[in-house]
């Protein structure tokens, strides 16, 4: 693994601004783990803590496994990491569909993160609406607010559904682009169930939003989201981090197969992580 805190020479040129293409899902997961480590160090150096919201799905699972491995685990100051979620299904943690449950099994019980630093969405409660209000209070307790009064995460991981949804913001659901709510519980009509999700203004307030997209089955929707003109827009198109927010897509070749490269021959250089090597613990071997 390349040293974090410097220029990662394994970062590929961007096929489109903010879109990095890797050979396969394993390399996407590795790139995501590297970003997690780099941004954790940057955030801890600046703010003494790292506030990150995780997503569910198979691609984050591979990233979690890497972060819990001997290679990565020792590169994060877990005592200063606070973990939240972008969305959750209305199921208990023991359910295989629980985003929290998957992260706990693959990552949280394998790293030395304090129990009090893990903030799950309790969407399985009898009143999911009340649970959403309670989660807003959790966000209010731990997160700084941006200039518009929304909680600001250091980093949010998101996925992309084949219908263009992200988090639990689905096409056709009544989740307005502009809202004062931080956490919503939309009824996903296609699934006939409610979910809990961060709202668009909260996603837009993040300093960094990273989409993980892999597989040929995502190629068509990725092209539509990045280069299409859907009316109404897909939910994933509506995520637009406000200045100085960064929006990245980490995708594999299969998912990027239908993308038309940017017309310019000049590749957009990757963001250079801050120098956080001082005081860093020795790398695990």
C-alpha atoms as a PDB file:
ATOM      1  CA  UNK A   1       0.000   0.000   0.000  1.00  0.00           C
ATOM      2  CA  UNK A   2       1.186   3.502  -0.798  1.00  0.00           C
ATOM      3  CA  UNK A   3       1.948   5.719   2.152  1.00  0.00           C
ATOM      4  CA  UNK A   4      -0.988   7.911   3.046  1.00  0.00           C
ATOM      5  CA  UNK A   5      -0.422  11.587   3.632  1.00  0.00           C
ATOM      6  CA  UNK A   6       1.430  12.032   0.321  1.00  0.00           C
ATOM      7  CA  UNK A   7       0.547  11.745  -3.353  1.00  0.00           C
ATOM      8  CA  UNK A   8      -0.914   8.302  -4.035  1.00  0.00           C
ATOM      9  CA  UNK A   9       0.581   7.363  -7.395  1.00  0.00           C
ATOM     10  CA  UNK A  10      -1.976   4.573  -7.773  1.00  0.00           C
ATOM     11  CA  UNK A  11      -4.809   7.110  -8.157  1.00  0.00           C
ATOM     12  CA  UNK A  12      -5.893   6.933 -11.814  1.00  0.00           C
ATOM     13  CA  UNK A  13      -6.587   9.943 -14.014  1.00  0.00           C
ATOM     14  CA  UNK A  14     -10.205  11.089 -13.859  1.00  0.00           C
ATOM     15  CA  UNK A  15     -12.234  10.034 -16.902  1.00  0.00           C
ATOM     16  CA  UNK A  16     -14.582  12.883 -15.961  1.00  0.00           C
ATOM     17  CA  UNK A  17     -14.065  15.533 -13.287  1.00  0.00           C
ATOM     18  CA  UNK A  18     -14.433  13.750  -9.961  1.00  0.00           C
ATOM     19  CA  UNK A  19     -14.784  10.271 -11.514  1.00  0.00           C
ATOM     20  CA  UNK A  20     -11.925   7.815 -10.871  1.00  0.00           C
ATOM     21  CA  UNK A  21     -11.997   4.462 -12.652  1.00  0.00           C
ATOM     22  CA  UNK A  22     -10.288   1.377 -11.194  1.00  0.00           C
ATOM     23  CA  UNK A  23      -9.771  -2.067 -12.747  1.00  0.00           C
ATOM     24  CA  UNK A  24     -12.181  -4.002 -10.527  1.00  0.00           C
ATOM     25  CA  UNK A  25     -14.348  -3.840  -7.380  1.00  0.00           C
ATOM     26  CA  UNK A  26     -11.425  -4.875  -5.156  1.00  0.00           C
ATOM     27  CA  UNK A  27      -9.427  -1.848  -6.269  1.00  0.00           C
ATOM     28  CA  UNK A  28     -12.429   0.429  -5.739  1.00  0.00           C
ATOM     29  CA  UNK A  29     -12.689  -0.865  -2.170  1.00  0.00           C
ATOM     30  CA  UNK A  30      -8.947  -0.339  -1.654  1.00  0.00           C
ATOM     31  CA  UNK A  31      -9.148   3.219  -2.986  1.00  0.00           C
ATOM     32  CA  UNK A  32     -12.073   3.913  -0.662  1.00  0.00           C
ATOM     33  CA  UNK A  33     -10.138   2.545   2.322  1.00  0.00           C
ATOM     34  CA  UNK A  34      -7.173   4.763   1.440  1.00  0.00           C
ATOM     35  CA  UNK A  35      -9.439   7.806   1.283  1.00  0.00           C
ATOM     36  CA  UNK A  36     -10.927   6.868   4.659  1.00  0.00           C
ATOM     37  CA  UNK A  37      -7.451   6.749   6.193  1.00  0.00           C
ATOM     38  CA  UNK A  38      -6.247   9.963   4.533  1.00  0.00           C
ATOM     39  CA  UNK A  39      -9.317  11.987   5.414  1.00  0.00           C
ATOM     40  CA  UNK A  40      -9.403  10.604   8.936  1.00  0.00           C
ATOM     41  CA  UNK A  41      -5.861  11.907   9.484  1.00  0.00           C
ATOM     42  CA  UNK A  42      -6.650  15.262   7.900  1.00  0.00           C
ATOM     43  CA  UNK A  43      -9.805  15.738   9.955  1.00  0.00           C
ATOM     44  CA  UNK A  44      -8.224  14.634  13.229  1.00  0.00           C
ATOM     45  CA  UNK A  45      -5.249  16.928  12.627  1.00  0.00           C
ATOM     46  CA  UNK A  46      -7.582  19.871  11.997  1.00  0.00           C
ATOM     47  CA  UNK A  47     -10.593  19.183  14.223  1.00  0.00           C
ATOM     48  CA  UNK A  48      -9.348  16.503  16.666  1.00  0.00           C
ATOM     49  CA  UNK A  49     -11.992  14.073  15.377  1.00  0.00           C
ATOM     50  CA  UNK A  50     -13.310  12.418  12.222  1.00  0.00           C
ATOM     51  CA  UNK A  51     -17.059  12.375  11.610  1.00  0.00           C
ATOM     52  CA  UNK A  52     -17.995   9.870   8.899  1.00  0.00           C
ATOM     53  CA  UNK A  53     -21.312   8.483   7.662  1.00  0.00           C
ATOM     54  CA  UNK A  54     -21.265   4.973   6.211  1.00  0.00           C
ATOM     55  CA  UNK A  55     -23.476   3.261   3.664  1.00  0.00           C
ATOM     56  CA  UNK A  56     -24.605  -0.312   3.144  1.00  0.00           C
ATOM     57  CA  UNK A  57     -24.152  -2.728   0.248  1.00  0.00           C
ATOM     58  CA  UNK A  58     -21.469  -5.083  -1.023  1.00  0.00           C
ATOM     59  CA  UNK A  59     -18.873  -2.497  -2.069  1.00  0.00           C
ATOM     60  CA  UNK A  60     -18.667  -0.873   1.389  1.00  0.00           C
ATOM     61  CA  UNK A  61     -18.424  -4.376   2.842  1.00  0.00           C
ATOM     62  CA  UNK A  62     -15.124  -4.920   1.024  1.00  0.00           C
ATOM     63  CA  UNK A  63     -13.893  -1.518   2.224  1.00  0.00           C
ATOM     64  CA  UNK A  64     -14.838  -2.395   5.816  1.00  0.00           C
ATOM     65  CA  UNK A  65     -12.929  -5.666   5.586  1.00  0.00           C
ATOM     66  CA  UNK A  66      -9.834  -3.796   4.417  1.00  0.00           C
ATOM     67  CA  UNK A  67     -10.078  -1.171   7.153  1.00  0.00           C
ATOM     68  CA  UNK A  68     -10.286  -3.958   9.730  1.00  0.00           C
ATOM     69  CA  UNK A  69      -7.273  -5.779   8.258  1.00  0.00           C
ATOM     70  CA  UNK A  70      -3.743  -5.679   9.633  1.00  0.00           C
ATOM     71  CA  UNK A  71      -2.755  -3.516   6.676  1.00  0.00           C
ATOM     72  CA  UNK A  72      -5.097  -0.635   7.483  1.00  0.00           C
ATOM     73  CA  UNK A  73      -6.331  -0.989  11.059  1.00  0.00           C
ATOM     74  CA  UNK A  74      -3.289   0.579  12.685  1.00  0.00           C
ATOM     75  CA  UNK A  75      -3.337   3.615  10.394  1.00  0.00           C
ATOM     76  CA  UNK A  76      -6.490   5.103  11.944  1.00  0.00           C
ATOM     77  CA  UNK A  77      -6.772   6.729  15.365  1.00  0.00           C
ATOM     78  CA  UNK A  78     -10.073   4.986  16.068  1.00  0.00           C
ATOM     79  CA  UNK A  79     -10.550   6.669  19.440  1.00  0.00           C
ATOM     80  CA  UNK A  80     -11.155   9.921  17.548  1.00  0.00           C
ATOM     81  CA  UNK A  81     -13.470   8.486  14.878  1.00  0.00           C
ATOM     82  CA  UNK A  82     -17.246   8.876  15.167  1.00  0.00           C
ATOM     83  CA  UNK A  83     -19.320   6.654  12.888  1.00  0.00           C
ATOM     84  CA  UNK A  84     -22.825   7.487  11.665  1.00  0.00           C
ATOM     85  CA  UNK A  85     -25.024   6.178   8.842  1.00  0.00           C
ATOM     86  CA  UNK A  86     -26.484   7.755   5.725  1.00  0.00           C
ATOM     87  CA  UNK A  87     -29.575   5.556   5.824  1.00  0.00           C
ATOM     88  CA  UNK A  88     -31.034   2.448   7.410  1.00  0.00           C
ATOM     89  CA  UNK A  89     -33.748  -0.115   6.831  1.00  0.00           C
ATOM     90  CA  UNK A  90     -36.480  -0.631   9.427  1.00  0.00           C
ATOM     91  CA  UNK A  91     -34.943  -3.871  10.701  1.00  0.00           C
ATOM     92  CA  UNK A  92     -33.043  -4.806  13.891  1.00  0.00           C
ATOM     93  CA  UNK A  93     -29.236  -4.993  13.841  1.00  0.00           C
ATOM     94  CA  UNK A  94     -29.356  -8.791  13.780  1.00  0.00           C
ATOM     95  CA  UNK A  95     -31.172  -8.742  10.424  1.00  0.00           C
ATOM     96  CA  UNK A  96     -28.986  -9.416   7.388  1.00  0.00           C
ATOM     97  CA  UNK A  97     -30.464  -6.298   5.726  1.00  0.00           C
ATOM     98  CA  UNK A  98     -29.260  -3.942   8.474  1.00  0.00           C
ATOM     99  CA  UNK A  99     -26.614  -1.487   7.276  1.00  0.00           C
ATOM    100  CA  UNK A 100     -25.392  -1.069  10.851  1.00  0.00           C
ATOM    101  CA  UNK A 101     -25.330  -4.823  11.426  1.00  0.00           C
ATOM    102  CA  UNK A 102     -23.127  -5.386   8.375  1.00  0.00           C
ATOM    103  CA  UNK A 103     -20.703  -2.602   9.368  1.00  0.00           C
ATOM    104  CA  UNK A 104     -20.549  -3.964  12.915  1.00  0.00           C
ATOM    105  CA  UNK A 105     -19.721  -7.504  11.784  1.00  0.00           C
ATOM    106  CA  UNK A 106     -17.151  -6.545   9.166  1.00  0.00           C
ATOM    107  CA  UNK A 107     -15.530  -3.496  10.783  1.00  0.00           C
ATOM    108  CA  UNK A 108     -16.627  -2.151  14.150  1.00  0.00           C
ATOM    109  CA  UNK A 109     -15.995  -5.231  16.301  1.00  0.00           C
ATOM    110  CA  UNK A 110     -12.591  -5.667  14.630  1.00  0.00           C
ATOM    111  CA  UNK A 111     -11.133  -2.206  15.359  1.00  0.00           C
ATOM    112  CA  UNK A 112     -10.580  -0.373  18.680  1.00  0.00           C
ATOM    113  CA  UNK A 113     -13.352   2.189  18.244  1.00  0.00           C
ATOM    114  CA  UNK A 114     -15.094   3.176  21.504  1.00  0.00           C
ATOM    115  CA  UNK A 115     -18.692   1.993  21.725  1.00  0.00           C
ATOM    116  CA  UNK A 116     -19.797   5.554  22.458  1.00  0.00           C
ATOM    117  CA  UNK A 117     -18.387   6.680  19.101  1.00  0.00           C
ATOM    118  CA  UNK A 118     -20.814   4.515  17.114  1.00  0.00           C
ATOM    119  CA  UNK A 119     -24.148   6.216  16.398  1.00  0.00           C
ATOM    120  CA  UNK A 120     -26.591   3.951  14.607  1.00  0.00           C
ATOM    121  CA  UNK A 121     -30.011   4.812  13.214  1.00  0.00           C
ATOM    122  CA  UNK A 122     -32.586   2.934  15.301  1.00  0.00           C
ATOM    123  CA  UNK A 123     -35.013   2.588  12.409  1.00  0.00           C
ATOM    124  CA  UNK A 124     -36.524  -0.609  13.796  1.00  0.00           C
ATOM    125  CA  UNK A 125     -38.304   1.269  16.619  1.00  0.00           C
ATOM    126  CA  UNK A 126     -42.132   1.126  16.605  1.00  0.00           C
ATOM    127  CA  UNK A 127     -42.249   4.832  15.727  1.00  0.00           C
ATOM    128  CA  UNK A 128     -39.700   5.410  12.994  1.00  0.00           C
ATOM    129  CA  UNK A 129     -40.680   9.074  12.888  1.00  0.00           C
ATOM    130  CA  UNK A 130     -39.741   9.530  16.550  1.00  0.00           C
ATOM    131  CA  UNK A 131     -36.519   7.606  15.920  1.00  0.00           C
ATOM    132  CA  UNK A 132     -35.675  10.067  13.131  1.00  0.00           C
ATOM    133  CA  UNK A 133     -36.142  13.011  15.519  1.00  0.00           C
ATOM    134  CA  UNK A 134     -33.906  11.261  18.037  1.00  0.00           C
ATOM    135  CA  UNK A 135     -31.224  10.795  15.402  1.00  0.00           C
ATOM    136  CA  UNK A 136     -31.375  14.489  14.587  1.00  0.00           C
ATOM    137  CA  UNK A 137     -30.619  15.136  18.249  1.00  0.00           C
ATOM    138  CA  UNK A 138     -27.623  12.800  18.033  1.00  0.00           C
ATOM    139  CA  UNK A 139     -26.331  14.744  15.024  1.00  0.00           C
ATOM    140  CA  UNK A 140     -26.930  18.022  16.863  1.00  0.00           C
ATOM    141  CA  UNK A 141     -24.923  16.765  19.832  1.00  0.00           C
ATOM    142  CA  UNK A 142     -21.821  15.662  17.932  1.00  0.00           C
ATOM    143  CA  UNK A 143     -21.557  17.627  14.690  1.00  0.00           C
ATOM    144  CA  UNK A 144     -20.655  21.207  13.909  1.00  0.00           C
ATOM    145  CA  UNK A 145     -23.164  23.115  11.783  1.00  0.00           C
ATOM    146  CA  UNK A 146     -22.487  24.774   8.465  1.00  0.00           C
ATOM    147  CA  UNK A 147     -23.475  28.341   7.625  1.00  0.00           C
ATOM    148  CA  UNK A 148     -27.018  27.195   6.757  1.00  0.00           C
ATOM    149  CA  UNK A 149     -27.491  25.361  10.041  1.00  0.00           C
ATOM    150  CA  UNK A 150     -27.051  21.793   8.796  1.00  0.00           C
ATOM    151  CA  UNK A 151     -24.680  19.242  10.358  1.00  0.00           C
ATOM    152  CA  UNK A 152     -21.364  18.982   8.540  1.00  0.00           C
ATOM    153  CA  UNK A 153     -19.766  15.559   8.170  1.00  0.00           C
ATOM    154  CA  UNK A 154     -16.121  15.257   7.276  1.00  0.00           C
ATOM    155  CA  UNK A 155     -17.022  12.433   4.901  1.00  0.00           C
ATOM    156  CA  UNK A 156     -20.140  10.611   3.675  1.00  0.00           C
ATOM    157  CA  UNK A 157     -20.056   7.372   1.691  1.00  0.00           C
ATOM    158  CA  UNK A 158     -22.930   6.737  -0.717  1.00  0.00           C
ATOM    159  CA  UNK A 159     -23.980   4.070  -3.177  1.00  0.00           C
ATOM    160  CA  UNK A 160     -25.955   4.236  -6.410  1.00  0.00           C
ATOM    161  CA  UNK A 161     -29.016   2.106  -7.088  1.00  0.00           C
ATOM    162  CA  UNK A 162     -30.010   0.925 -10.552  1.00  0.00           C
ATOM    163  CA  UNK A 163     -32.991   3.304 -10.339  1.00  0.00           C
ATOM    164  CA  UNK A 164     -30.772   6.285  -9.514  1.00  0.00           C
ATOM    165  CA  UNK A 165     -31.447   6.324  -5.779  1.00  0.00           C
ATOM    166  CA  UNK A 166     -28.794   7.032  -3.197  1.00  0.00           C
ATOM    167  CA  UNK A 167     -28.994   6.579   0.575  1.00  0.00           C
ATOM    168  CA  UNK A 168     -32.771   5.997   0.927  1.00  0.00           C
ATOM    169  CA  UNK A 169     -33.656   8.863  -1.396  1.00  0.00           C
ATOM    170  CA  UNK A 170     -35.628   7.096  -4.117  1.00  0.00           C
ATOM    171  CA  UNK A 171     -37.213   8.423  -7.306  1.00  0.00           C
ATOM    172  CA  UNK A 172     -40.817   9.355  -6.697  1.00  0.00           C
ATOM    173  CA  UNK A 173     -40.585   9.556  -2.896  1.00  0.00           C
ATOM    174  CA  UNK A 174     -41.676  12.720  -1.157  1.00  0.00           C
ATOM    175  CA  UNK A 175     -38.300  13.924   0.033  1.00  0.00           C
ATOM    176  CA  UNK A 176     -37.931  17.558  -1.035  1.00  0.00           C
ATOM    177  CA  UNK A 177     -34.641  18.932  -2.285  1.00  0.00           C
ATOM    178  CA  UNK A 178     -35.021  21.866   0.090  1.00  0.00           C
ATOM    179  CA  UNK A 179     -36.088  20.979   3.620  1.00  0.00           C
ATOM    180  CA  UNK A 180     -35.258  21.980   7.163  1.00  0.00           C
ATOM    181  CA  UNK A 181     -35.274  18.337   8.236  1.00  0.00           C
ATOM    182  CA  UNK A 182     -31.980  16.539   8.784  1.00  0.00           C
ATOM    183  CA  UNK A 183     -33.369  13.003   8.870  1.00  0.00           C
ATOM    184  CA  UNK A 184     -36.386  11.763   6.930  1.00  0.00           C
ATOM    185  CA  UNK A 185     -38.440   8.557   6.856  1.00  0.00           C
ATOM    186  CA  UNK A 186     -39.734   8.279   3.282  1.00  0.00           C
ATOM    187  CA  UNK A 187     -42.135   5.562   2.207  1.00  0.00           C
ATOM    188  CA  UNK A 188     -40.420   3.630  -0.561  1.00  0.00           C
ATOM    189  CA  UNK A 189     -43.474   2.641  -2.569  1.00  0.00           C
ATOM    190  CA  UNK A 190     -41.613   0.120  -4.734  1.00  0.00           C
ATOM    191  CA  UNK A 191     -40.668  -1.760  -1.559  1.00  0.00           C
ATOM    192  CA  UNK A 192     -43.784  -0.835   0.470  1.00  0.00           C
ATOM    193  CA  UNK A 193     -41.683   0.079   3.468  1.00  0.00           C
ATOM    194  CA  UNK A 194     -40.321   3.113   5.250  1.00  0.00           C
ATOM    195  CA  UNK A 195     -36.638   3.811   5.648  1.00  0.00           C
ATOM    196  CA  UNK A 196     -34.600   6.346   7.565  1.00  0.00           C
ATOM    197  CA  UNK A 197     -32.233   8.596   5.645  1.00  0.00           C
ATOM    198  CA  UNK A 198     -30.186  11.764   5.821  1.00  0.00           C
ATOM    199  CA  UNK A 199     -31.770  14.485   3.710  1.00  0.00           C
ATOM    200  CA  UNK A 200     -30.308  16.273   0.697  1.00  0.00           C
ATOM    201  CA  UNK A 201     -29.237  19.407   2.626  1.00  0.00           C
ATOM    202  CA  UNK A 202     -27.251  17.245   5.053  1.00  0.00           C
ATOM    203  CA  UNK A 203     -25.557  15.373   2.208  1.00  0.00           C
ATOM    204  CA  UNK A 204     -24.775  18.708   0.557  1.00  0.00           C
ATOM    205  CA  UNK A 205     -23.262  20.103   3.756  1.00  0.00           C
ATOM    206  CA  UNK A 206     -20.576  17.395   3.899  1.00  0.00           C
ATOM    207  CA  UNK A 207     -16.979  18.297   3.214  1.00  0.00           C
ATOM    208  CA  UNK A 208     -16.554  15.144   1.113  1.00  0.00           C
ATOM    209  CA  UNK A 209     -19.137  12.877  -0.517  1.00  0.00           C
ATOM    210  CA  UNK A 210     -17.810   9.647  -2.048  1.00  0.00           C
ATOM    211  CA  UNK A 211     -19.960   7.393  -4.262  1.00  0.00           C
ATOM    212  CA  UNK A 212     -18.849   3.764  -4.626  1.00  0.00           C
ATOM    213  CA  UNK A 213     -20.202   2.200  -7.835  1.00  0.00           C
ATOM    214  CA  UNK A 214     -19.215  -1.187  -9.267  1.00  0.00           C
ATOM    215  CA  UNK A 215     -20.558  -3.742 -11.730  1.00  0.00           C
ATOM    216  CA  UNK A 216     -21.837  -3.765 -15.304  1.00  0.00           C
ATOM    217  CA  UNK A 217     -25.426  -3.588 -14.031  1.00  0.00           C
ATOM    218  CA  UNK A 218     -24.662  -0.027 -12.860  1.00  0.00           C
ATOM    219  CA  UNK A 219     -23.183   1.152 -16.189  1.00  0.00           C
ATOM    220  CA  UNK A 220     -26.409   2.525 -17.664  1.00  0.00           C
ATOM    221  CA  UNK A 221     -27.545   4.409 -14.575  1.00  0.00           C
ATOM    222  CA  UNK A 222     -24.041   5.768 -13.924  1.00  0.00           C
ATOM    223  CA  UNK A 223     -23.980   7.205 -17.443  1.00  0.00           C
ATOM    224  CA  UNK A 224     -27.465   8.664 -16.918  1.00  0.00           C
ATOM    225  CA  UNK A 225     -26.521  10.231 -13.580  1.00  0.00           C
ATOM    226  CA  UNK A 226     -23.229  11.692 -14.763  1.00  0.00           C
ATOM    227  CA  UNK A 227     -24.015  12.597 -18.365  1.00  0.00           C
ATOM    228  CA  UNK A 228     -27.775  12.448 -18.745  1.00  0.00           C
ATOM    229  CA  UNK A 229     -30.511  15.087 -18.461  1.00  0.00           C
ATOM    230  CA  UNK A 230     -33.286  13.247 -16.670  1.00  0.00           C
ATOM    231  CA  UNK A 231     -36.414  15.255 -15.814  1.00  0.00           C
ATOM    232  CA  UNK A 232     -37.012  15.007 -12.947  1.00  0.00           C
ATOM    233  CA  UNK A 233     -33.379  14.422 -11.995  1.00  0.00           C
ATOM    234  CA  UNK A 234     -32.334  11.184 -10.364  1.00  0.00           C
ATOM    235  CA  UNK A 235     -31.801  11.540  -6.602  1.00  0.00           C
ATOM    236  CA  UNK A 236     -28.067  10.837  -7.038  1.00  0.00           C
ATOM    237  CA  UNK A 237     -27.878  13.811  -9.423  1.00  0.00           C
ATOM    238  CA  UNK A 238     -29.315  16.089  -6.750  1.00  0.00           C
ATOM    239  CA  UNK A 239     -26.450  15.506  -4.329  1.00  0.00           C
ATOM    240  CA  UNK A 240     -24.319  18.616  -4.817  1.00  0.00           C
ATOM    241  CA  UNK A 241     -21.945  19.388  -1.930  1.00  0.00           C
ATOM    242  CA  UNK A 242     -21.721  23.107  -1.346  1.00  0.00           C
ATOM    243  CA  UNK A 243     -18.435  24.954  -1.605  1.00  0.00           C
ATOM    244  CA  UNK A 244     -15.885  23.833  -0.520  1.00  0.00           C
ATOM    245  CA  UNK A 245     -17.380  20.330  -0.603  1.00  0.00           C
ATOM    246  CA  UNK A 246     -15.803  17.567  -2.711  1.00  0.00           C
ATOM    247  CA  UNK A 247     -17.842  15.004  -4.670  1.00  0.00           C
ATOM    248  CA  UNK A 248     -16.068  11.873  -5.911  1.00  0.00           C
ATOM    249  CA  UNK A 249     -17.167   8.753  -7.774  1.00  0.00           C
ATOM    250  CA  UNK A 250     -14.942   5.694  -7.307  1.00  0.00           C
ATOM    251  CA  UNK A 251     -16.033   3.221  -9.990  1.00  0.00           C
ATOM    252  CA  UNK A 252     -14.740   0.081 -11.668  1.00  0.00           C
ATOM    253  CA  UNK A 253     -14.252  -0.410 -15.407  1.00  0.00           C
ATOM    254  CA  UNK A 254     -17.476  -2.371 -15.758  1.00  0.00           C
ATOM    255  CA  UNK A 255     -19.571   0.423 -14.248  1.00  0.00           C
ATOM    256  CA  UNK A 256     -17.732   3.047 -16.326  1.00  0.00           C
ATOM    257  CA  UNK A 257     -18.136   1.181 -19.623  1.00  0.00           C
ATOM    258  CA  UNK A 258     -20.809   3.533 -21.017  1.00  0.00           C
ATOM    259  CA  UNK A 259     -19.227   6.826 -19.959  1.00  0.00           C
ATOM    260  CA  UNK A 260     -17.979   9.206 -22.629  1.00  0.00           C
ATOM    261  CA  UNK A 261     -14.621  10.671 -21.582  1.00  0.00           C
ATOM    262  CA  UNK A 262     -14.333  14.396 -20.986  1.00  0.00           C
ATOM    263  CA  UNK A 263     -13.475  16.262 -24.231  1.00  0.00           C
ATOM    264  CA  UNK A 264     -10.290  17.752 -22.808  1.00  0.00           C
ATOM    265  CA  UNK A 265      -7.127  15.678 -23.050  1.00  0.00           C
ATOM    266  CA  UNK A 266      -5.910  17.126 -19.791  1.00  0.00           C
ATOM    267  CA  UNK A 267      -6.657  14.872 -16.855  1.00  0.00           C
ATOM    268  CA  UNK A 268      -7.831  16.515 -13.680  1.00  0.00           C
ATOM    269  CA  UNK A 269      -5.098  15.957 -11.088  1.00  0.00           C
ATOM    270  CA  UNK A 270      -6.145  14.064  -7.949  1.00  0.00           C
ATOM    271  CA  UNK A 271      -6.623  16.008  -4.761  1.00  0.00           C
ATOM    272  CA  UNK A 272      -3.373  16.078  -2.800  1.00  0.00           C
ATOM    273  CA  UNK A 273      -4.000  14.951   0.788  1.00  0.00           C
ATOM    274  CA  UNK A 274      -2.614  17.106   3.535  1.00  0.00           C
ATOM    275  CA  UNK A 275       0.696  16.155   5.138  1.00  0.00           C
ATOM    276  CA  UNK A 276      -0.383  14.275   8.240  1.00  0.00           C
ATOM    277  CA  UNK A 277       2.694  12.165   8.743  1.00  0.00           C
ATOM    278  CA  UNK A 278       3.855  13.939  11.905  1.00  0.00           C
ATOM    279  CA  UNK A 279       2.935  12.032  15.014  1.00  0.00           C
ATOM    280  CA  UNK A 280       1.595   9.131  12.972  1.00  0.00           C
ATOM    281  CA  UNK A 281       1.860   5.664  14.515  1.00  0.00           C
ATOM    282  CA  UNK A 282       3.997   3.081  12.800  1.00  0.00           C
ATOM    283  CA  UNK A 283       2.235   1.211  10.019  1.00  0.00           C
ATOM    284  CA  UNK A 284       1.001  -2.269  10.776  1.00  0.00           C
ATOM    285  CA  UNK A 285       2.683  -5.053   8.865  1.00  0.00           C
END
